[in-house]
Amino acid sequence: MPTDDSTDGSMSGRRIATAPVWGKPGNSVEAIAVWLLSSAVVWIGVSFGSEFVEAVPQKSAAVAPFGAVDAVSRWDGDWYAGIVTDGYFWNRHTHSNVAYFPGYPAAGWIISSLTGLEPRVALLLLGNTAFLLALIAAARYGRTRNAANNSDEASWLLLATAFLPFGVFFHTVSTEPLFLLLVIGFLFSIQKQSSLATIALVCGASTAVRAVGVGLILPFVWHLRTRVGSWRQFASTGLWSVPLSAWGIMAYMLFLWWKVGDPLAFAHAQDNWAQRAEPAGLERALSLVTFQPVRDVFSRESLAWWGRSGPDIPWFNWRFWNPVVFIGTCLVVLAGWRAKQITTVEFLTAFGLLGIPYVFHSHRILMQGHARFSSVVFPACIVLAGWLARMPREAAVAFTAYSAALLCLVSAMLAAGFGVF
């Protein structure tokens, strides 16, 4: 288990004598193999869903030059491709693409410009490459934090990350793979005791990709406090390092101020996606504390009831699974923290990545997207990897195979046009 607040995340306690899944646990070759295998699972599902699953009416109106690319670039992918092609626009009274942060489409624009690839293809290439790099980084992170006890948790960490059923978005036109890479890079830079400027730059880059990247600022501040000596040094260092850790979102706000005259246009644009009014003040706080957004999904009287759209069978309805996965991820993180499987920095990272979407979006968007948001909570994968490493090998393999089968199923549903969000 990691020593409390240790910066290297090394594991202490009982030595685990199991053999690695293959070869040396947590090596780059293993990461590449897991990436190829998870990609094959997703694309088998996509191919099957495109050809044999009857599509539902919720399909993207845009048509890409390749059917397979269109199947994995619906909804958010349409918006990001539009940003690459036509840039940003803002209309207070309808959906506007300023709600989507610029890091991912900007990188996609660079790739498209340099290679001549169609924007969707460039964004898909970017995402899959980022996911490969994320797995390689996860392998190194897991190998370093488990070096003390010769365990195979680094191998299971790769499998736990790659075969999340809701990790289908790591293979689509979406921000998840790039954001996951930055989350792991942030934790890895802290683990390796990189310079504060480097850690802050990585943290700030995450805020250029997704707004929830600001959730990494709290663990950065915690690390800063444990790393410097006095409170005076903490204050003086924080004066430049904390703003630097938010450079991405600050740069985007400056751009929006210049472009549309509203530095918070990205937040105001979210109002047009709201499906019900947000309670205010104490009522809102009480709603969040009592998990009303979660409970409403299972109440037939509520507008948020999962059965109002999508398949009638709950096991195939993503609205049903959003709160289940969210609560499950929260419980995994809490259990791991109590058992000292994760450090305080890792716990605070998970807290921000789960808490920010829940506080600001859960009520008005009816918990939609929360399974997807949970996919980038890397500390939860660390906890799962620890559990898998301690299971009987047959049980751990069976669990991973079942998770891979669900990943294939979700991929087929996505390709067929089901509302997987």
Protein backbone atom coordinates (compact mmCIF):
# COMPACT_ATOMS: atom_id res chain seq x y z
CA MET A 1 0.00 0.00 0.00
CA PRO A 2 1.24 3.52 -0.62
CA THR A 3 2.57 5.30 2.38
CA ASP A 4 0.32 8.20 3.25
CA ASP A 5 1.08 11.29 1.17
CA SER A 6 4.22 9.71 -0.30
CA THR A 7 5.32 11.46 -3.45
CA ASP A 8 6.61 8.34 -5.18
CA GLY A 9 3.47 6.29 -4.48
CA SER A 10 5.59 3.23 -3.68
CA MET A 11 3.76 0.28 -2.16
CA SER A 12 4.55 -1.11 1.27
CA GLY A 13 3.21 -3.98 3.32
CA ARG A 14 2.59 -7.56 2.20
CA ARG A 15 4.60 -8.75 -0.77
CA ILE A 16 2.53 -10.22 -3.57
CA ALA A 17 4.21 -13.24 -5.08
CA THR A 18 2.09 -13.63 -8.18
CA ALA A 19 3.71 -13.70 -11.60
CA PRO A 20 3.07 -10.87 -14.05
CA VAL A 21 0.39 -11.19 -16.72
CA TRP A 22 3.19 -11.48 -19.29
CA GLY A 23 6.85 -10.58 -19.08
CA LYS A 24 8.03 -7.82 -16.79
CA PRO A 25 4.99 -6.07 -15.29
CA GLY A 26 4.23 -2.59 -16.54
CA ASN A 27 6.54 -2.34 -19.55
CA SER A 28 5.90 -0.39 -22.75
CA VAL A 29 5.55 -3.51 -24.89
CA GLU A 30 2.83 -4.71 -22.57
CA ALA A 31 1.12 -1.31 -22.81
CA ILE A 32 1.18 -1.45 -26.62
CA ALA A 33 -0.21 -4.99 -26.58
CA VAL A 34 -3.07 -3.95 -24.26
CA TRP A 35 -3.80 -0.93 -26.47
CA LEU A 36 -3.97 -3.12 -29.58
CA LEU A 37 -6.19 -5.66 -27.84
CA SER A 38 -8.60 -3.06 -26.44
CA SER A 39 -8.72 -1.32 -29.84
CA ALA A 40 -9.56 -4.63 -31.50
CA VAL A 41 -12.38 -5.21 -29.00
CA VAL A 42 -13.83 -1.76 -29.70
CA TRP A 43 -13.57 -2.03 -33.48
CA ILE A 44 -15.12 -5.50 -33.50
CA GLY A 45 -18.04 -3.99 -31.60
CA VAL A 46 -18.19 -0.98 -33.91
CA SER A 47 -18.17 -3.17 -37.01
CA PHE A 48 -20.87 -5.44 -35.62
CA GLY A 49 -23.03 -2.53 -34.47
CA SER A 50 -22.74 -0.74 -37.80
CA GLU A 51 -23.72 -3.80 -39.83
CA PHE A 52 -26.11 -5.85 -37.73
CA VAL A 53 -27.67 -3.77 -34.93
CA GLU A 54 -30.82 -1.88 -35.82
CA ALA A 55 -30.13 1.81 -35.35
CA VAL A 56 -32.30 4.10 -33.29
CA PRO A 57 -33.43 7.54 -34.51
CA GLN A 58 -30.66 9.39 -32.59
CA LYS A 59 -28.08 9.39 -35.35
CA SER A 60 -25.64 12.02 -36.44
CA ALA A 61 -26.81 13.97 -39.44
CA ALA A 62 -23.24 14.57 -40.59
CA VAL A 63 -21.74 12.01 -42.94
CA ALA A 64 -18.02 11.31 -42.85
CA PRO A 65 -16.15 9.94 -45.87
CA PHE A 66 -15.64 6.66 -44.03
CA GLY A 67 -18.57 4.88 -42.35
CA ALA A 68 -16.42 3.55 -39.50
CA VAL A 69 -15.17 7.04 -38.69
CA ASP A 70 -18.72 8.40 -38.66
CA ALA A 71 -19.73 5.63 -36.25
CA VAL A 72 -17.21 6.80 -33.64
CA SER A 73 -17.53 10.54 -34.19
CA ARG A 74 -21.17 11.27 -33.41
CA TRP A 75 -22.48 13.97 -31.12
CA ASP A 76 -19.38 15.55 -29.53
CA GLY A 77 -17.31 14.43 -32.51
CA ASP A 78 -19.51 16.49 -34.81
CA TRP A 79 -18.87 19.56 -32.70
CA TYR A 80 -15.12 19.08 -32.51
CA ALA A 81 -14.84 18.48 -36.25
CA GLY A 82 -16.85 21.66 -36.79
CA ILE A 83 -14.44 23.64 -34.61
CA VAL A 84 -11.47 22.32 -36.62
CA THR A 85 -13.19 23.28 -39.87
CA ASP A 86 -14.99 26.54 -39.06
CA GLY A 87 -13.75 27.76 -35.68
CA TYR A 88 -15.86 28.93 -32.75
CA PHE A 89 -19.25 30.65 -32.66
CA TRP A 90 -21.49 31.86 -29.82
CA ASN A 91 -25.25 32.31 -29.71
CA ARG A 92 -26.89 32.84 -26.34
CA HIS A 93 -30.16 31.29 -27.47
CA THR A 94 -29.06 27.99 -28.99
CA HIS A 95 -26.35 25.34 -28.79
CA SER A 96 -22.92 26.90 -29.40
CA ASN A 97 -19.56 25.24 -29.77
CA VAL A 98 -17.82 27.59 -27.30
CA ALA A 99 -18.91 25.02 -24.72
CA TYR A 100 -16.15 22.75 -26.06
CA PHE A 101 -12.64 23.56 -24.88
CA PRO A 102 -9.92 24.24 -27.46
CA GLY A 103 -7.04 21.92 -26.54
CA TYR A 104 -8.29 18.85 -28.41
CA PRO A 105 -9.62 20.53 -31.58
CA ALA A 106 -6.54 22.78 -31.77
CA ALA A 107 -4.24 19.76 -31.76
CA GLY A 108 -6.53 18.08 -34.29
CA TRP A 109 -6.35 21.17 -36.53
CA ILE A 110 -2.54 21.00 -36.46
CA ILE A 111 -2.56 17.32 -37.45
CA SER A 112 -5.14 17.92 -40.18
CA SER A 113 -3.18 20.88 -41.56
CA LEU A 114 0.14 19.02 -41.59
CA THR A 115 -1.15 15.75 -43.02
CA GLY A 116 -4.14 16.79 -45.11
CA LEU A 117 -6.34 14.34 -43.24
CA GLU A 118 -10.07 15.02 -42.96
CA PRO A 119 -10.72 16.63 -39.52
CA ARG A 120 -12.60 13.64 -38.11
CA VAL A 121 -9.82 11.28 -39.11
CA ALA A 122 -7.18 13.63 -37.68
CA LEU A 123 -9.08 13.87 -34.37
CA LEU A 124 -9.52 10.10 -34.27
CA LEU A 125 -5.80 9.58 -34.89
CA LEU A 126 -4.99 12.10 -32.17
CA GLY A 127 -7.27 10.41 -29.64
CA ASN A 128 -6.05 6.88 -30.26
CA THR A 129 -2.42 7.99 -30.16
CA ALA A 130 -3.07 9.85 -26.90
CA PHE A 131 -4.64 6.71 -25.43
CA LEU A 132 -1.61 4.64 -26.41
CA LEU A 133 0.66 7.20 -24.74
CA ALA A 134 -1.64 7.23 -21.70
CA LEU A 135 -1.26 3.46 -21.32
CA ILE A 136 2.52 3.68 -21.67
CA ALA A 137 2.54 6.41 -19.00
CA ALA A 138 0.22 4.31 -16.81
CA ALA A 139 2.61 1.36 -17.16
CA ARG A 140 5.55 3.44 -15.99
CA TYR A 141 3.51 4.99 -13.19
CA GLY A 142 2.28 1.61 -11.98
CA ARG A 143 5.72 0.03 -12.24
CA THR A 144 7.29 2.82 -10.17
CA ARG A 145 4.65 2.90 -7.45
CA ASN A 146 4.79 -0.92 -7.07
CA ALA A 147 8.54 -1.37 -7.40
CA ALA A 148 9.00 -2.10 -3.71
CA ASN A 149 7.00 -5.33 -3.57
CA ASN A 150 7.50 -6.97 -6.97
CA SER A 151 3.75 -7.18 -7.55
CA ASP A 152 2.01 -7.41 -10.91
CA GLU A 153 -0.34 -4.52 -10.14
CA ALA A 154 1.23 -2.52 -12.98
CA SER A 155 -0.04 -5.12 -15.45
CA TRP A 156 -3.49 -5.16 -13.93
CA LEU A 157 -3.51 -1.36 -13.95
CA LEU A 158 -3.17 -1.43 -17.73
CA LEU A 159 -6.01 -3.93 -18.06
CA ALA A 160 -8.25 -2.08 -15.60
CA THR A 161 -7.75 1.16 -17.52
CA ALA A 162 -8.06 -0.21 -21.05
CA PHE A 163 -11.10 -2.45 -20.61
CA LEU A 164 -13.47 -0.16 -18.74
CA PRO A 165 -16.83 -0.66 -20.52
CA PHE A 166 -17.41 3.09 -20.55
CA GLY A 167 -13.83 3.57 -21.79
CA VAL A 168 -15.15 3.18 -25.34
CA PHE A 169 -14.62 6.94 -25.60
CA PHE A 170 -10.86 6.36 -25.48
CA HIS A 171 -11.23 5.15 -29.07
CA THR A 172 -13.64 7.75 -30.43
CA VAL A 173 -13.53 11.41 -31.45
CA SER A 174 -13.64 12.79 -27.92
CA THR A 175 -11.44 14.48 -25.33
CA GLU A 176 -11.23 11.50 -22.97
CA PRO A 177 -7.96 9.94 -24.21
CA LEU A 178 -6.04 13.22 -24.32
CA PHE A 179 -7.40 14.27 -20.94
CA LEU A 180 -6.54 10.87 -19.43
CA LEU A 181 -2.98 11.25 -20.73
CA LEU A 182 -2.70 14.61 -18.98
CA VAL A 183 -4.17 13.27 -15.72
CA ILE A 184 -1.63 10.44 -15.66
CA GLY A 185 1.12 12.85 -16.69
CA PHE A 186 0.15 15.15 -13.82
CA LEU A 187 0.32 12.32 -11.26
CA PHE A 188 3.51 10.94 -12.78
CA SER A 189 5.24 14.33 -12.66
CA ILE A 190 4.36 14.59 -8.96
CA GLN A 191 5.56 11.04 -8.36
CA LYS A 192 8.90 11.80 -10.05
CA GLN A 193 9.29 15.07 -8.12
CA SER A 194 9.45 17.13 -11.31
CA SER A 195 9.86 20.88 -11.02
CA LEU A 196 6.82 22.78 -9.82
CA ALA A 197 6.73 24.66 -13.12
CA THR A 198 6.52 21.35 -15.05
CA ILE A 199 3.73 20.02 -12.83
CA ALA A 200 1.81 23.31 -13.12
CA LEU A 201 2.19 23.34 -16.92
CA VAL A 202 0.77 19.82 -17.20
CA CYS A 203 -2.08 20.71 -14.85
CA GLY A 204 -2.80 23.85 -16.88
CA ALA A 205 -2.79 21.86 -20.12
CA SER A 206 -5.59 19.69 -18.75
CA THR A 207 -7.71 22.82 -18.21
CA ALA A 208 -7.28 23.64 -21.91
CA VAL A 209 -8.82 20.28 -22.83
CA ARG A 210 -11.73 20.08 -20.40
CA ALA A 211 -13.13 22.43 -17.77
CA VAL A 212 -12.95 19.67 -15.17
CA GLY A 213 -9.19 19.97 -15.42
CA VAL A 214 -9.47 22.63 -12.71
CA GLY A 215 -10.07 19.66 -10.43
CA LEU A 216 -6.34 18.98 -10.58
CA ILE A 217 -5.52 22.33 -9.02
CA LEU A 218 -6.48 21.19 -5.50
CA PRO A 219 -4.09 18.20 -5.51
CA PHE A 220 -1.44 20.48 -7.01
CA VAL A 221 -1.85 22.91 -4.12
CA TRP A 222 -1.71 20.00 -1.65
CA HIS A 223 1.51 18.77 -3.25
CA LEU A 224 2.92 22.30 -3.19
CA ARG A 225 2.21 22.61 0.52
CA THR A 226 3.86 19.27 1.36
CA ARG A 227 6.86 20.05 -0.83
CA VAL A 228 7.87 23.51 0.32
CA GLY A 229 9.04 24.36 3.81
CA SER A 230 7.37 27.34 5.42
CA TRP A 231 3.98 28.95 4.89
CA ARG A 232 5.78 32.03 3.59
CA GLN A 233 7.52 29.97 0.93
CA PHE A 234 4.22 28.26 0.15
CA ALA A 235 2.54 31.63 -0.37
CA SER A 236 5.33 33.10 -2.48
CA THR A 237 5.60 30.00 -4.67
CA GLY A 238 1.84 29.73 -5.00
CA LEU A 239 1.60 33.28 -6.34
CA TRP A 240 3.07 32.17 -9.65
CA SER A 241 2.55 28.38 -9.69
CA VAL A 242 -1.19 28.26 -8.96
CA PRO A 243 -2.13 30.67 -11.79
CA LEU A 244 0.22 28.70 -14.04
CA SER A 245 -1.68 25.52 -13.15
CA ALA A 246 -4.79 27.12 -14.70
CA TRP A 247 -3.12 28.61 -17.78
CA GLY A 248 -5.31 26.64 -20.22
CA ILE A 249 -8.68 27.80 -19.00
CA MET A 250 -7.36 31.33 -18.42
CA ALA A 251 -6.09 31.51 -22.00
CA TYR A 252 -9.45 30.25 -23.28
CA MET A 253 -11.30 32.86 -21.24
CA LEU A 254 -9.11 35.59 -22.71
CA PHE A 255 -9.81 34.26 -26.19
CA LEU A 256 -13.56 34.24 -25.56
CA TRP A 257 -13.41 37.76 -24.16
CA TRP A 258 -11.75 38.88 -27.40
CA LYS A 259 -13.86 36.71 -29.72
CA VAL A 260 -17.40 37.01 -28.31
CA GLY A 261 -17.09 39.56 -25.48
CA ASP A 262 -17.87 37.05 -22.71
CA PRO A 263 -15.00 35.26 -20.95
CA LEU A 264 -17.49 32.82 -19.38
CA ALA A 265 -19.27 32.00 -22.63
CA PHE A 266 -18.20 28.35 -22.26
CA ALA A 267 -20.18 28.15 -19.00
CA HIS A 268 -23.17 30.13 -20.24
CA ALA A 269 -23.36 27.96 -23.36
CA GLN A 270 -23.99 24.94 -21.14
CA ASP A 271 -27.34 26.45 -20.16
CA ASN A 272 -28.72 25.62 -23.61
CA TRP A 273 -28.05 21.93 -23.00
CA ALA A 274 -29.88 21.94 -19.66
CA GLN A 275 -32.88 19.61 -19.58
CA ARG A 276 -34.41 21.04 -16.42
CA ALA A 277 -33.97 24.07 -14.23
CA GLU A 278 -31.31 24.02 -11.55
CA PRO A 279 -32.49 24.57 -7.96
CA ALA A 280 -30.88 27.52 -6.23
CA GLY A 281 -29.18 28.20 -2.92
CA LEU A 282 -29.90 25.93 0.01
CA GLU A 283 -32.29 23.79 -2.04
CA ARG A 284 -29.53 23.02 -4.51
CA ALA A 285 -27.05 22.18 -1.74
CA LEU A 286 -29.59 19.89 -0.09
CA SER A 287 -30.32 18.23 -3.43
CA LEU A 288 -26.64 17.44 -3.98
CA VAL A 289 -25.97 16.24 -0.44
CA THR A 290 -28.96 13.89 -0.52
CA PHE A 291 -28.03 12.62 -4.01
CA GLN A 292 -31.33 13.71 -5.47
CA PRO A 293 -29.91 13.80 -9.04
CA VAL A 294 -28.98 10.13 -8.61
CA ARG A 295 -32.29 9.15 -7.01
CA ASP A 296 -34.31 10.94 -9.67
CA VAL A 297 -32.96 8.64 -12.38
CA PHE A 298 -34.77 5.74 -10.69
CA SER A 299 -38.02 7.59 -9.97
CA ARG A 300 -40.81 7.16 -12.53
CA GLU A 301 -42.30 10.50 -11.48
CA SER A 302 -39.10 12.39 -12.27
CA LEU A 303 -38.14 13.98 -15.56
CA ALA A 304 -34.79 12.26 -15.10
CA TRP A 305 -36.24 8.72 -15.02
CA TRP A 306 -34.06 6.49 -17.18
CA GLY A 307 -37.04 4.88 -18.90
CA ARG A 308 -38.16 8.07 -20.64
CA SER A 309 -35.81 7.45 -23.58
CA GLY A 310 -33.67 4.68 -24.99
CA PRO A 311 -34.15 0.91 -24.63
CA ASP A 312 -36.76 -0.31 -22.16
CA ILE A 313 -34.32 -2.86 -20.74
CA PRO A 314 -32.19 -1.10 -18.10
CA TRP A 315 -29.06 -3.17 -18.82
CA PHE A 316 -28.96 -1.64 -22.32
CA ASN A 317 -29.94 1.89 -21.33
CA TRP A 318 -27.04 4.26 -20.73
CA ARG A 319 -29.22 6.64 -18.68
CA PHE A 320 -29.68 3.81 -16.20
CA TRP A 321 -25.94 3.17 -15.95
CA ASN A 322 -24.75 6.77 -15.55
CA PRO A 323 -25.59 7.10 -11.82
CA VAL A 324 -24.66 3.47 -11.14
CA VAL A 325 -21.17 3.91 -12.56
CA PHE A 326 -20.75 7.30 -10.88
CA ILE A 327 -21.65 6.00 -7.42
CA GLY A 328 -19.62 2.84 -8.01
CA THR A 329 -16.55 4.87 -8.92
CA CYS A 330 -16.98 7.06 -5.84
CA LEU A 331 -17.18 3.96 -3.62
CA VAL A 332 -14.11 2.40 -5.25
CA VAL A 333 -12.09 5.58 -4.64
CA LEU A 334 -13.29 5.90 -1.04
CA ALA A 335 -12.52 2.25 -0.32
CA GLY A 336 -9.07 2.60 -1.84
CA TRP A 337 -8.32 5.71 0.18
CA ARG A 338 -9.47 4.14 3.45
CA ALA A 339 -7.31 1.11 2.75
CA LYS A 340 -4.37 3.41 1.85
CA GLN A 341 -4.18 1.99 -1.66
CA ILE A 342 -3.98 5.52 -3.04
CA THR A 343 -2.16 8.61 -1.81
CA THR A 344 -3.80 11.83 -0.74
CA VAL A 345 -2.80 13.45 -4.06
CA GLU A 346 -4.46 10.61 -5.97
CA PHE A 347 -7.57 10.82 -3.79
CA LEU A 348 -7.87 14.59 -4.26
CA THR A 349 -7.46 14.10 -8.01
CA ALA A 350 -10.36 11.66 -8.05
CA PHE A 351 -12.39 13.96 -5.78
CA GLY A 352 -12.08 16.85 -8.23
CA LEU A 353 -12.74 14.80 -11.35
CA LEU A 354 -15.90 13.29 -9.85
CA GLY A 355 -17.09 16.21 -7.77
CA ILE A 356 -16.99 19.04 -10.30
CA PRO A 357 -19.30 17.42 -12.90
CA TYR A 358 -21.63 16.25 -10.13
CA VAL A 359 -21.94 19.68 -8.51
CA PHE A 360 -22.32 21.70 -11.71
CA HIS A 361 -24.07 19.34 -14.13
CA SER A 362 -25.77 16.37 -12.45
CA HIS A 363 -29.15 18.00 -11.85
CA ARG A 364 -29.67 19.95 -15.03
CA ILE A 365 -28.47 17.24 -17.44
CA LEU A 366 -30.17 14.39 -15.53
CA MET A 367 -26.90 12.64 -14.66
CA GLN A 368 -26.12 12.13 -18.33
CA GLY A 369 -22.43 11.72 -19.10
CA HIS A 370 -21.41 10.71 -15.58
CA ALA A 371 -20.29 7.22 -16.58
CA ARG A 372 -18.21 8.86 -19.27
CA PHE A 373 -16.82 11.39 -16.79
CA SER A 374 -15.82 8.49 -14.52
CA SER A 375 -13.67 6.92 -17.23
CA VAL A 376 -10.86 9.44 -16.66
CA VAL A 377 -10.73 8.93 -12.88
CA PHE A 378 -7.40 7.14 -13.03
CA PRO A 379 -7.06 6.65 -9.24
CA ALA A 380 -10.12 4.37 -9.38
CA CYS A 381 -8.22 2.18 -11.85
CA ILE A 382 -5.32 2.04 -9.39
CA VAL A 383 -7.65 0.68 -6.71
CA LEU A 384 -9.21 -1.83 -9.11
CA ALA A 385 -5.75 -3.02 -10.14
CA GLY A 386 -4.88 -3.66 -6.51
CA TRP A 387 -8.01 -5.74 -6.05
CA LEU A 388 -7.40 -7.71 -9.24
CA ALA A 389 -3.81 -8.45 -8.21
CA ARG A 390 -5.05 -9.92 -4.93
CA MET A 391 -7.82 -12.02 -6.45
CA PRO A 392 -7.28 -15.62 -7.50
CA ARG A 393 -5.81 -15.40 -11.00
CA GLU A 394 -8.80 -17.16 -12.59
CA ALA A 395 -11.28 -14.73 -11.01
CA ALA A 396 -9.27 -11.68 -12.09
CA VAL A 397 -8.99 -12.95 -15.67
CA ALA A 398 -12.72 -13.73 -15.76
CA PHE A 399 -13.57 -10.24 -14.47
CA THR A 400 -11.35 -8.62 -17.10
CA ALA A 401 -12.83 -10.78 -19.87
CA TYR A 402 -16.35 -9.84 -18.77
CA SER A 403 -15.40 -6.16 -18.75
CA ALA A 404 -13.95 -6.52 -22.26
CA ALA A 405 -17.20 -8.13 -23.44
CA LEU A 406 -19.17 -5.19 -22.05
CA LEU A 407 -16.76 -2.81 -23.80
CA CYS A 408 -17.51 -4.59 -27.08
CA LEU A 409 -21.26 -4.37 -26.42
CA VAL A 410 -21.11 -0.63 -25.66
CA SER A 411 -19.06 -0.10 -28.82
CA ALA A 412 -21.74 -1.85 -30.87
CA MET A 413 -24.47 0.28 -29.29
CA LEU A 414 -22.50 3.45 -30.00
CA ALA A 415 -21.98 2.50 -33.65
CA ALA A 416 -25.66 1.66 -34.07
CA GLY A 417 -26.68 5.13 -32.92
CA PHE A 418 -27.85 4.46 -29.36
CA GLY A 419 -27.51 7.36 -26.94
CA VAL A 420 -24.27 6.26 -25.29
CA PHE A 421 -23.58 9.41 -23.26
